[in-house]
C-alpha atoms as a PDB file:
ATOM      1  CA  UNK A   1       0.000   0.000   0.000  1.00  0.00           C
ATOM      2  CA  UNK A   2       1.320   3.506  -0.745  1.00  0.00           C
ATOM      3  CA  UNK A   3       2.535   5.329   2.370  1.00  0.00           C
ATOM      4  CA  UNK A   4       3.121   8.841   0.988  1.00  0.00           C
ATOM      5  CA  UNK A   5       0.051  10.933   1.776  1.00  0.00           C
ATOM      6  CA  UNK A   6      -0.907  13.465  -0.919  1.00  0.00           C
ATOM      7  CA  UNK A   7      -3.931  14.934   0.879  1.00  0.00           C
ATOM      8  CA  UNK A   8      -3.504  18.721   1.333  1.00  0.00           C
ATOM      9  CA  UNK A   9      -0.372  18.648  -0.872  1.00  0.00           C
ATOM     10  CA  UNK A  10      -0.178  21.288  -3.617  1.00  0.00           C
ATOM     11  CA  UNK A  11       0.313  20.045  -7.193  1.00  0.00           C
ATOM     12  CA  UNK A  12       1.747  22.483  -9.775  1.00  0.00           C
ATOM     13  CA  UNK A  13       0.660  21.236 -13.216  1.00  0.00           C
ATOM     14  CA  UNK A  14       1.838  22.691 -16.531  1.00  0.00           C
ATOM     15  CA  UNK A  15      -0.555  22.315 -19.471  1.00  0.00           C
ATOM     16  CA  UNK A  16      -3.413  21.622 -17.084  1.00  0.00           C
ATOM     17  CA  UNK A  17      -6.249  23.150 -19.105  1.00  0.00           C
ATOM     18  CA  UNK A  18      -6.962  20.006 -21.123  1.00  0.00           C
ATOM     19  CA  UNK A  19      -5.832  16.477 -21.947  1.00  0.00           C
ATOM     20  CA  UNK A  20      -3.733  14.487 -19.471  1.00  0.00           C
ATOM     21  CA  UNK A  21      -2.884  17.562 -17.393  1.00  0.00           C
ATOM     22  CA  UNK A  22      -6.558  18.230 -16.692  1.00  0.00           C
ATOM     23  CA  UNK A  23      -7.302  14.578 -15.928  1.00  0.00           C
ATOM     24  CA  UNK A  24      -4.337  14.326 -13.539  1.00  0.00           C
ATOM     25  CA  UNK A  25      -5.597  17.489 -11.814  1.00  0.00           C
ATOM     26  CA  UNK A  26      -8.994  15.841 -11.320  1.00  0.00           C
ATOM     27  CA  UNK A  27      -7.327  12.700 -10.006  1.00  0.00           C
ATOM     28  CA  UNK A  28      -5.277  14.425  -7.313  1.00  0.00           C
ATOM     29  CA  UNK A  29      -8.099  16.835  -6.355  1.00  0.00           C
ATOM     30  CA  UNK A  30     -10.385  13.849  -5.811  1.00  0.00           C
ATOM     31  CA  UNK A  31      -7.840  12.566  -3.298  1.00  0.00           C
ATOM     32  CA  UNK A  32      -7.818  15.740  -1.216  1.00  0.00           C
ATOM     33  CA  UNK A  33      -4.913  17.597  -2.845  1.00  0.00           C
ATOM     34  CA  UNK A  34      -4.833  21.178  -4.081  1.00  0.00           C
ATOM     35  CA  UNK A  35      -3.936  22.150  -7.667  1.00  0.00           C
ATOM     36  CA  UNK A  36      -2.269  25.205  -9.195  1.00  0.00           C
ATOM     37  CA  UNK A  37      -2.131  24.850 -12.980  1.00  0.00           C
ATOM     38  CA  UNK A  38      -0.860  26.950 -15.887  1.00  0.00           C
ATOM     39  CA  UNK A  39      -1.574  26.818 -19.607  1.00  0.00           C
ATOM     40  CA  UNK A  40      -0.969  29.033 -22.654  1.00  0.00           C
ATOM     41  CA  UNK A  41      -4.677  28.794 -23.541  1.00  0.00           C
ATOM     42  CA  UNK A  42      -6.340  31.459 -21.376  1.00  0.00           C
ATOM     43  CA  UNK A  43      -9.987  30.756 -22.283  1.00  0.00           C
ATOM     44  CA  UNK A  44      -9.558  26.993 -21.958  1.00  0.00           C
ATOM     45  CA  UNK A  45      -7.734  27.450 -18.648  1.00  0.00           C
ATOM     46  CA  UNK A  46     -10.476  29.644 -17.198  1.00  0.00           C
ATOM     47  CA  UNK A  47     -13.115  27.169 -18.397  1.00  0.00           C
ATOM     48  CA  UNK A  48     -11.255  24.293 -16.703  1.00  0.00           C
ATOM     49  CA  UNK A  49     -10.772  26.420 -13.554  1.00  0.00           C
ATOM     50  CA  UNK A  50     -14.531  27.013 -13.280  1.00  0.00           C
ATOM     51  CA  UNK A  51     -15.243  23.322 -13.861  1.00  0.00           C
ATOM     52  CA  UNK A  52     -12.755  22.112 -11.223  1.00  0.00           C
ATOM     53  CA  UNK A  53     -13.711  24.842  -8.740  1.00  0.00           C
ATOM     54  CA  UNK A  54     -17.376  23.845  -9.049  1.00  0.00           C
ATOM     55  CA  UNK A  55     -16.568  20.187  -8.337  1.00  0.00           C
ATOM     56  CA  UNK A  56     -13.790  20.482  -5.750  1.00  0.00           C
ATOM     57  CA  UNK A  57     -14.216  23.982  -4.317  1.00  0.00           C
ATOM     58  CA  UNK A  58     -12.633  27.320  -5.356  1.00  0.00           C
ATOM     59  CA  UNK A  59     -10.098  27.218  -2.518  1.00  0.00           C
ATOM     60  CA  UNK A  60      -8.546  24.015  -3.849  1.00  0.00           C
ATOM     61  CA  UNK A  61      -7.721  25.046  -7.433  1.00  0.00           C
ATOM     62  CA  UNK A  62      -6.059  28.059  -9.104  1.00  0.00           C
ATOM     63  CA  UNK A  63      -5.044  28.961 -12.666  1.00  0.00           C
ATOM     64  CA  UNK A  64      -2.591  31.400 -14.272  1.00  0.00           C
ATOM     65  CA  UNK A  65      -1.992  31.832 -18.008  1.00  0.00           C
ATOM     66  CA  UNK A  66       1.522  30.753 -19.068  1.00  0.00           C
ATOM     67  CA  UNK A  67       3.154  33.466 -21.185  1.00  0.00           C
ATOM     68  CA  UNK A  68       6.538  31.717 -21.301  1.00  0.00           C
ATOM     69  CA  UNK A  69       5.735  29.781 -24.466  1.00  0.00           C
ATOM     70  CA  UNK A  70       5.278  33.004 -26.412  1.00  0.00           C
ATOM     71  CA  UNK A  71       9.072  33.233 -26.344  1.00  0.00           C
ATOM     72  CA  UNK A  72       9.087  30.175 -28.602  1.00  0.00           C
ATOM     73  CA  UNK A  73       6.828  31.934 -31.103  1.00  0.00           C
ATOM     74  CA  UNK A  74       9.026  35.059 -31.059  1.00  0.00           C
ATOM     75  CA  UNK A  75      12.180  33.001 -31.652  1.00  0.00           C
ATOM     76  CA  UNK A  76      10.528  31.145 -34.543  1.00  0.00           C
ATOM     77  CA  UNK A  77       9.354  34.412 -36.117  1.00  0.00           C
ATOM     78  CA  UNK A  78      12.785  36.066 -35.785  1.00  0.00           C
ATOM     79  CA  UNK A  79      14.525  32.971 -37.174  1.00  0.00           C
ATOM     80  CA  UNK A  80      12.117  32.786 -40.104  1.00  0.00           C
ATOM     81  CA  UNK A  81      12.592  36.504 -40.902  1.00  0.00           C
ATOM     82  CA  UNK A  82      16.381  36.207 -40.861  1.00  0.00           C
ATOM     83  CA  UNK A  83      16.293  33.171 -43.105  1.00  0.00           C
ATOM     84  CA  UNK A  84      13.816  34.933 -45.419  1.00  0.00           C
ATOM     85  CA  UNK A  85      16.196  37.899 -45.697  1.00  0.00           C
ATOM     86  CA  UNK A  86      18.998  35.509 -46.647  1.00  0.00           C
ATOM     87  CA  UNK A  87      16.771  33.972 -49.324  1.00  0.00           C
ATOM     88  CA  UNK A  88      15.917  37.425 -50.733  1.00  0.00           C
ATOM     89  CA  UNK A  89      19.598  38.434 -50.872  1.00  0.00           C
ATOM     90  CA  UNK A  90      20.506  35.200 -52.656  1.00  0.00           C
ATOM     91  CA  UNK A  91      17.687  35.665 -55.160  1.00  0.00           C
ATOM     92  CA  UNK A  92      18.727  39.302 -55.878  1.00  0.00           C
ATOM     93  CA  UNK A  93      22.329  38.279 -56.486  1.00  0.00           C
ATOM     94  CA  UNK A  94      21.259  35.454 -58.777  1.00  0.00           C
ATOM     95  CA  UNK A  95      18.881  37.741 -60.720  1.00  0.00           C
ATOM     96  CA  UNK A  96      21.764  40.192 -61.392  1.00  0.00           C
ATOM     97  CA  UNK A  97      23.866  37.325 -62.700  1.00  0.00           C
ATOM     98  CA  UNK A  98      20.984  36.044 -64.840  1.00  0.00           C
ATOM     99  CA  UNK A  99      20.659  39.430 -66.585  1.00  0.00           C
ATOM    100  CA  UNK A 100      24.335  39.263 -67.651  1.00  0.00           C
ATOM    101  CA  UNK A 101      24.469  35.723 -68.984  1.00  0.00           C
ATOM    102  CA  UNK A 102      22.855  34.057 -71.969  1.00  0.00           C
ATOM    103  CA  UNK A 103      19.431  32.407 -72.104  1.00  0.00           C
ATOM    104  CA  UNK A 104      20.729  28.851 -71.879  1.00  0.00           C
ATOM    105  CA  UNK A 105      22.617  29.612 -68.704  1.00  0.00           C
ATOM    106  CA  UNK A 106      19.553  31.473 -67.408  1.00  0.00           C
ATOM    107  CA  UNK A 107      17.519  28.283 -67.703  1.00  0.00           C
ATOM    108  CA  UNK A 108      20.172  26.323 -65.834  1.00  0.00           C
ATOM    109  CA  UNK A 109      20.387  28.961 -63.115  1.00  0.00           C
ATOM    110  CA  UNK A 110      16.615  29.045 -62.686  1.00  0.00           C
ATOM    111  CA  UNK A 111      16.683  25.324 -62.046  1.00  0.00           C
ATOM    112  CA  UNK A 112      19.478  25.814 -59.536  1.00  0.00           C
ATOM    113  CA  UNK A 113      17.526  28.626 -57.834  1.00  0.00           C
ATOM    114  CA  UNK A 114      14.508  26.387 -57.435  1.00  0.00           C
ATOM    115  CA  UNK A 115      16.663  23.661 -55.901  1.00  0.00           C
ATOM    116  CA  UNK A 116      18.344  26.155 -53.550  1.00  0.00           C
ATOM    117  CA  UNK A 117      15.007  27.596 -52.444  1.00  0.00           C
ATOM    118  CA  UNK A 118      13.633  24.118 -51.800  1.00  0.00           C
ATOM    119  CA  UNK A 119      16.728  23.235 -49.767  1.00  0.00           C
ATOM    120  CA  UNK A 120      16.492  26.485 -47.770  1.00  0.00           C
ATOM    121  CA  UNK A 121      12.790  25.886 -47.062  1.00  0.00           C
ATOM    122  CA  UNK A 122      13.615  22.388 -45.838  1.00  0.00           C
ATOM    123  CA  UNK A 123      16.361  23.816 -43.628  1.00  0.00           C
ATOM    124  CA  UNK A 124      13.939  26.411 -42.215  1.00  0.00           C
ATOM    125  CA  UNK A 125      11.437  23.679 -41.362  1.00  0.00           C
ATOM    126  CA  UNK A 126      14.130  21.550 -39.704  1.00  0.00           C
ATOM    127  CA  UNK A 127      15.438  24.523 -37.701  1.00  0.00           C
ATOM    128  CA  UNK A 128      11.929  25.407 -36.516  1.00  0.00           C
ATOM    129  CA  UNK A 129      11.287  21.797 -35.450  1.00  0.00           C
ATOM    130  CA  UNK A 130      14.586  21.702 -33.560  1.00  0.00           C
ATOM    131  CA  UNK A 131      13.887  25.055 -31.863  1.00  0.00           C
ATOM    132  CA  UNK A 132      10.408  23.974 -30.766  1.00  0.00           C
ATOM    133  CA  UNK A 133      11.673  20.689 -29.287  1.00  0.00           C
ATOM    134  CA  UNK A 134      14.621  22.367 -27.558  1.00  0.00           C
ATOM    135  CA  UNK A 135      12.349  25.030 -26.048  1.00  0.00           C
ATOM    136  CA  UNK A 136       9.966  22.337 -24.793  1.00  0.00           C
ATOM    137  CA  UNK A 137      12.715  20.452 -22.941  1.00  0.00           C
ATOM    138  CA  UNK A 138      14.149  23.781 -21.739  1.00  0.00           C
ATOM    139  CA  UNK A 139      10.737  24.749 -20.321  1.00  0.00           C
ATOM    140  CA  UNK A 140      10.445  21.423 -18.442  1.00  0.00           C
ATOM    141  CA  UNK A 141      13.962  21.648 -17.026  1.00  0.00           C
ATOM    142  CA  UNK A 142      13.693  25.353 -16.160  1.00  0.00           C
ATOM    143  CA  UNK A 143      10.338  24.746 -14.458  1.00  0.00           C
ATOM    144  CA  UNK A 144      11.852  21.927 -12.409  1.00  0.00           C
ATOM    145  CA  UNK A 145      14.805  24.102 -11.418  1.00  0.00           C
ATOM    146  CA  UNK A 146      12.534  26.935 -10.261  1.00  0.00           C
ATOM    147  CA  UNK A 147      10.329  24.467  -8.363  1.00  0.00           C
ATOM    148  CA  UNK A 148      13.393  22.973  -6.645  1.00  0.00           C
ATOM    149  CA  UNK A 149      14.542  26.380  -5.417  1.00  0.00           C
ATOM    150  CA  UNK A 150      11.153  27.128  -3.860  1.00  0.00           C
ATOM    151  CA  UNK A 151      10.647  23.647  -2.394  1.00  0.00           C
ATOM    152  CA  UNK A 152      14.070  23.067  -0.757  1.00  0.00           C
ATOM    153  CA  UNK A 153      13.826  22.645   3.015  1.00  0.00           C
ATOM    154  CA  UNK A 154      17.283  24.186   3.506  1.00  0.00           C
ATOM    155  CA  UNK A 155      15.990  27.348   1.778  1.00  0.00           C
ATOM    156  CA  UNK A 156      12.769  27.656   3.786  1.00  0.00           C
ATOM    157  CA  UNK A 157      10.560  25.383   1.677  1.00  0.00           C
ATOM    158  CA  UNK A 158       8.655  22.268   2.737  1.00  0.00           C
ATOM    159  CA  UNK A 159      10.309  19.813   0.361  1.00  0.00           C
ATOM    160  CA  UNK A 160       8.321  17.781  -2.145  1.00  0.00           C
ATOM    161  CA  UNK A 161       8.305  15.681  -5.286  1.00  0.00           C
ATOM    162  CA  UNK A 162       9.008  16.737  -8.877  1.00  0.00           C
ATOM    163  CA  UNK A 163       7.717  14.469 -11.646  1.00  0.00           C
ATOM    164  CA  UNK A 164       8.952  15.195 -15.182  1.00  0.00           C
ATOM    165  CA  UNK A 165       6.352  14.353 -17.846  1.00  0.00           C
ATOM    166  CA  UNK A 166       7.926  12.550 -20.790  1.00  0.00           C
ATOM    167  CA  UNK A 167       6.440   9.763 -22.942  1.00  0.00           C
ATOM    168  CA  UNK A 168       7.273   6.322 -24.310  1.00  0.00           C
ATOM    169  CA  UNK A 169       9.688   8.162 -26.640  1.00  0.00           C
ATOM    170  CA  UNK A 170      11.822   8.861 -23.577  1.00  0.00           C
ATOM    171  CA  UNK A 171      12.406   5.132 -23.106  1.00  0.00           C
ATOM    172  CA  UNK A 172      12.600   3.794 -26.665  1.00  0.00           C
ATOM    173  CA  UNK A 173      14.255   4.811 -29.945  1.00  0.00           C
ATOM    174  CA  UNK A 174      12.416   5.951 -33.109  1.00  0.00           C
ATOM    175  CA  UNK A 175      14.368   6.731 -36.276  1.00  0.00           C
ATOM    176  CA  UNK A 176      11.324   8.556 -37.724  1.00  0.00           C
ATOM    177  CA  UNK A 177      11.561  11.419 -35.171  1.00  0.00           C
ATOM    178  CA  UNK A 178      15.103  11.608 -33.737  1.00  0.00           C
ATOM    179  CA  UNK A 179      14.845  15.222 -32.485  1.00  0.00           C
ATOM    180  CA  UNK A 180      11.607  14.574 -30.570  1.00  0.00           C
ATOM    181  CA  UNK A 181      13.103  11.300 -29.343  1.00  0.00           C
ATOM    182  CA  UNK A 182      16.238  13.032 -28.059  1.00  0.00           C
ATOM    183  CA  UNK A 183      14.229  15.690 -26.203  1.00  0.00           C
ATOM    184  CA  UNK A 184      12.070  13.108 -24.430  1.00  0.00           C
ATOM    185  CA  UNK A 185      15.188  11.146 -23.444  1.00  0.00           C
ATOM    186  CA  UNK A 186      16.705  14.424 -22.230  1.00  0.00           C
ATOM    187  CA  UNK A 187      13.788  14.987 -19.847  1.00  0.00           C
ATOM    188  CA  UNK A 188      14.242  11.478 -18.396  1.00  0.00           C
ATOM    189  CA  UNK A 189      18.017  11.894 -18.066  1.00  0.00           C
ATOM    190  CA  UNK A 190      17.585  15.285 -16.326  1.00  0.00           C
ATOM    191  CA  UNK A 191      15.185  13.741 -13.815  1.00  0.00           C
ATOM    192  CA  UNK A 192      17.446  10.722 -13.234  1.00  0.00           C
ATOM    193  CA  UNK A 193      20.531  12.896 -12.758  1.00  0.00           C
ATOM    194  CA  UNK A 194      18.674  15.180 -10.333  1.00  0.00           C
ATOM    195  CA  UNK A 195      17.514  12.164  -8.311  1.00  0.00           C
ATOM    196  CA  UNK A 196      21.137  11.170  -7.645  1.00  0.00           C
ATOM    197  CA  UNK A 197      22.043  14.421  -5.907  1.00  0.00           C
ATOM    198  CA  UNK A 198      23.367  13.352  -2.469  1.00  0.00           C
ATOM    199  CA  UNK A 199      21.877  16.524  -0.979  1.00  0.00           C
ATOM    200  CA  UNK A 200      18.291  15.560  -1.900  1.00  0.00           C
ATOM    201  CA  UNK A 201      17.532  14.100   1.506  1.00  0.00           C
ATOM    202  CA  UNK A 202      18.614  17.303   3.272  1.00  0.00           C
ATOM    203  CA  UNK A 203      16.661  19.400   0.779  1.00  0.00           C
ATOM    204  CA  UNK A 204      13.598  17.147   1.097  1.00  0.00           C
ATOM    205  CA  UNK A 205      13.378  16.656  -2.684  1.00  0.00           C
ATOM    206  CA  UNK A 206      12.545  13.610  -4.784  1.00  0.00           C
ATOM    207  CA  UNK A 207      12.602  13.319  -8.592  1.00  0.00           C
ATOM    208  CA  UNK A 208      10.929  10.874 -10.988  1.00  0.00           C
ATOM    209  CA  UNK A 209       9.905  10.704 -14.650  1.00  0.00           C
ATOM    210  CA  UNK A 210       6.521   9.664 -16.069  1.00  0.00           C
ATOM    211  CA  UNK A 211       6.258   7.952 -19.491  1.00  0.00           C
ATOM    212  CA  UNK A 212       2.680   7.272 -20.671  1.00  0.00           C
ATOM    213  CA  UNK A 213       2.171   5.645 -24.051  1.00  0.00           C
ATOM    214  CA  UNK A 214      -0.279   7.268 -26.504  1.00  0.00           C
ATOM    215  CA  UNK A 215      -3.573   7.949 -24.706  1.00  0.00           C
ATOM    216  CA  UNK A 216      -7.094   8.939 -25.736  1.00  0.00           C
ATOM    217  CA  UNK A 217      -6.546  12.342 -24.080  1.00  0.00           C
ATOM    218  CA  UNK A 218      -3.155  12.928 -25.682  1.00  0.00           C
ATOM    219  CA  UNK A 219      -1.910  14.003 -29.106  1.00  0.00           C
ATOM    220  CA  UNK A 220      -3.429  11.213 -31.243  1.00  0.00           C
ATOM    221  CA  UNK A 221      -7.114  12.234 -31.050  1.00  0.00           C
ATOM    222  CA  UNK A 222      -6.171  15.869 -31.772  1.00  0.00           C
ATOM    223  CA  UNK A 223      -4.073  14.748 -34.758  1.00  0.00           C
ATOM    224  CA  UNK A 224      -7.075  12.859 -36.056  1.00  0.00           C
ATOM    225  CA  UNK A 225      -9.261  15.957 -35.798  1.00  0.00           C
ATOM    226  CA  UNK A 226      -6.695  18.335 -37.346  1.00  0.00           C
ATOM    227  CA  UNK A 227      -7.872  19.449 -40.825  1.00  0.00           C
ATOM    228  CA  UNK A 228      -5.549  18.673 -43.719  1.00  0.00           C
ATOM    229  CA  UNK A 229      -2.975  16.708 -41.726  1.00  0.00           C
ATOM    230  CA  UNK A 230      -1.500  14.214 -44.182  1.00  0.00           C
ATOM    231  CA  UNK A 231      -1.509  10.620 -42.959  1.00  0.00           C
ATOM    232  CA  UNK A 232      -3.478  11.379 -39.762  1.00  0.00           C
ATOM    233  CA  UNK A 233      -6.218   8.856 -40.566  1.00  0.00           C
ATOM    234  CA  UNK A 234      -3.787   5.995 -41.145  1.00  0.00           C
ATOM    235  CA  UNK A 235      -1.729   6.889 -38.062  1.00  0.00           C
ATOM    236  CA  UNK A 236      -4.764   7.091 -35.796  1.00  0.00           C
ATOM    237  CA  UNK A 237      -6.194   3.825 -37.120  1.00  0.00           C
ATOM    238  CA  UNK A 238      -2.850   2.131 -36.400  1.00  0.00           C
ATOM    239  CA  UNK A 239      -2.874   3.243 -32.763  1.00  0.00           C
ATOM    240  CA  UNK A 240      -6.638   3.286 -32.114  1.00  0.00           C
ATOM    241  CA  UNK A 241      -6.630  -0.139 -30.437  1.00  0.00           C
ATOM    242  CA  UNK A 242      -3.397   0.579 -28.544  1.00  0.00           C
ATOM    243  CA  UNK A 243      -4.299   3.890 -26.898  1.00  0.00           C
ATOM    244  CA  UNK A 244      -4.105   3.916 -23.109  1.00  0.00           C
ATOM    245  CA  UNK A 245      -7.355   4.994 -21.375  1.00  0.00           C
ATOM    246  CA  UNK A 246      -6.862   8.341 -19.651  1.00  0.00           C
ATOM    247  CA  UNK A 247      -8.139   6.824 -16.400  1.00  0.00           C
ATOM    248  CA  UNK A 248      -5.234   4.361 -16.460  1.00  0.00           C
ATOM    249  CA  UNK A 249      -2.739   7.190 -16.955  1.00  0.00           C
ATOM    250  CA  UNK A 250      -4.186   9.136 -14.016  1.00  0.00           C
ATOM    251  CA  UNK A 251      -4.172   6.059 -11.741  1.00  0.00           C
ATOM    252  CA  UNK A 252      -0.560   5.328 -12.716  1.00  0.00           C
ATOM    253  CA  UNK A 253       0.404   8.908 -11.881  1.00  0.00           C
ATOM    254  CA  UNK A 254      -1.243   8.609  -8.476  1.00  0.00           C
ATOM    255  CA  UNK A 255       0.564   5.290  -7.867  1.00  0.00           C
ATOM    256  CA  UNK A 256       3.875   6.983  -8.703  1.00  0.00           C
ATOM    257  CA  UNK A 257       3.419  10.097  -6.562  1.00  0.00           C
ATOM    258  CA  UNK A 258       2.220   8.066  -3.551  1.00  0.00           C
ATOM    259  CA  UNK A 259       5.171   5.645  -3.509  1.00  0.00           C
ATOM    260  CA  UNK A 260       6.891   5.455  -0.119  1.00  0.00           C
ATOM    261  CA  UNK A 261      10.184   6.179  -1.891  1.00  0.00           C
ATOM    262  CA  UNK A 262       9.692   7.762  -5.304  1.00  0.00           C
ATOM    263  CA  UNK A 263      13.153   9.237  -5.905  1.00  0.00           C
ATOM    264  CA  UNK A 264      14.774   7.997  -9.157  1.00  0.00           C
ATOM    265  CA  UNK A 265      11.721   6.151 -10.473  1.00  0.00           C
ATOM    266  CA  UNK A 266      10.989   6.021 -14.249  1.00  0.00           C
ATOM    267  CA  UNK A 267       7.422   4.764 -14.775  1.00  0.00           C
ATOM    268  CA  UNK A 268       6.198   3.537 -18.176  1.00  0.00           C
ATOM    269  CA  UNK A 269       2.400   3.402 -18.568  1.00  0.00           C
ATOM    270  CA  UNK A 270       1.149   1.007 -21.259  1.00  0.00           C
ATOM    271  CA  UNK A 271      -2.266  -0.221 -22.275  1.00  0.00           C
ATOM    272  CA  UNK A 272      -2.031  -3.491 -20.366  1.00  0.00           C
ATOM    273  CA  UNK A 273       0.625  -2.842 -17.718  1.00  0.00           C
ATOM    274  CA  UNK A 274       2.711  -0.250 -15.881  1.00  0.00           C
ATOM    275  CA  UNK A 275       6.435  -0.912 -15.604  1.00  0.00           C
ATOM    276  CA  UNK A 276       9.225   0.749 -13.636  1.00  0.00           C
ATOM    277  CA  UNK A 277      12.237   0.972 -15.963  1.00  0.00           C
ATOM    278  CA  UNK A 278      15.824   0.698 -14.747  1.00  0.00           C
ATOM    279  CA  UNK A 279      18.705   1.585 -17.088  1.00  0.00           C
ATOM    280  CA  UNK A 280      21.805  -0.347 -16.134  1.00  0.00           C
ATOM    281  CA  UNK A 281      25.336   0.984 -16.580  1.00  0.00           C
ATOM    282  CA  UNK A 282      27.270  -1.244 -18.977  1.00  0.00           C
ATOM    283  CA  UNK A 283      30.912  -2.166 -18.487  1.00  0.00           C
ATOM    284  CA  UNK A 284      31.970  -2.481 -22.135  1.00  0.00           C
ATOM    285  CA  UNK A 285      35.720  -2.820 -21.704  1.00  0.00           C
ATOM    286  CA  UNK A 286      37.723  -2.122 -24.856  1.00  0.00           C
ATOM    287  CA  UNK A 287      35.192  -3.356 -27.411  1.00  0.00           C
ATOM    288  CA  UNK A 288      31.479  -3.035 -28.005  1.00  0.00           C
ATOM    289  CA  UNK A 289      29.567  -6.345 -27.633  1.00  0.00           C
ATOM    290  CA  UNK A 290      28.300  -7.748 -30.937  1.00  0.00           C
ATOM    291  CA  UNK A 291      24.854  -9.337 -31.247  1.00  0.00           C
END
């Protein structure tokens, strides 16, 4: 039986206006905890605040809009503008050259321009994807760092538990999405490294990571509903029978946070079972083992 009591504890939940964040908020509120959640969606957050306050009481739940993620949008816009300026300069230079040379070379250059533009567009897309993923992991880590400073017993806090939300991608390896994969692994590694701080006991801090598989409150249903998303139907049909019920994710989260000793745990939540994962250090010697 779990021995860590979460009644009257305060849960700080990022992205709590909908999906798994909202369901986890309901789960801990139902067990006597209090919830402070943030989200970039102001209207959705206020709607969820009213709903939870009506069910669990206005003194037990609070909401603040998260403006931090707008930094991501600003960075993307600035990066796109700079890259667009580079494209314009390249095009102007090439146009000047085209005017000087003969028609045959013009045709060749036009083809080259098209190829260059396509390559630059691809690079822009890749850079934006990388920036978004890096900012996401930065937000998780920065949030954990700020929480640690406020929670430390040696700094006047009451101690507590910090659970980093990752996904199955933080435990496995997918060649189709290496950047996303790396960021999810980074969240797990940050949590694991933080859990090994010898000063945690004095600070009253514990760290763990949470890795739910695709759920019916996660990204897959929203992908299915997104207009014009290529391949969404096929992807959703592939995972429809494998999605984890949101109730199972919430129960698994409660099981994790109420462990007698949670520090260092990495919990995977699947459709049919929950598994604590342990990554062993390998002694490879002078050569890598061949399979």
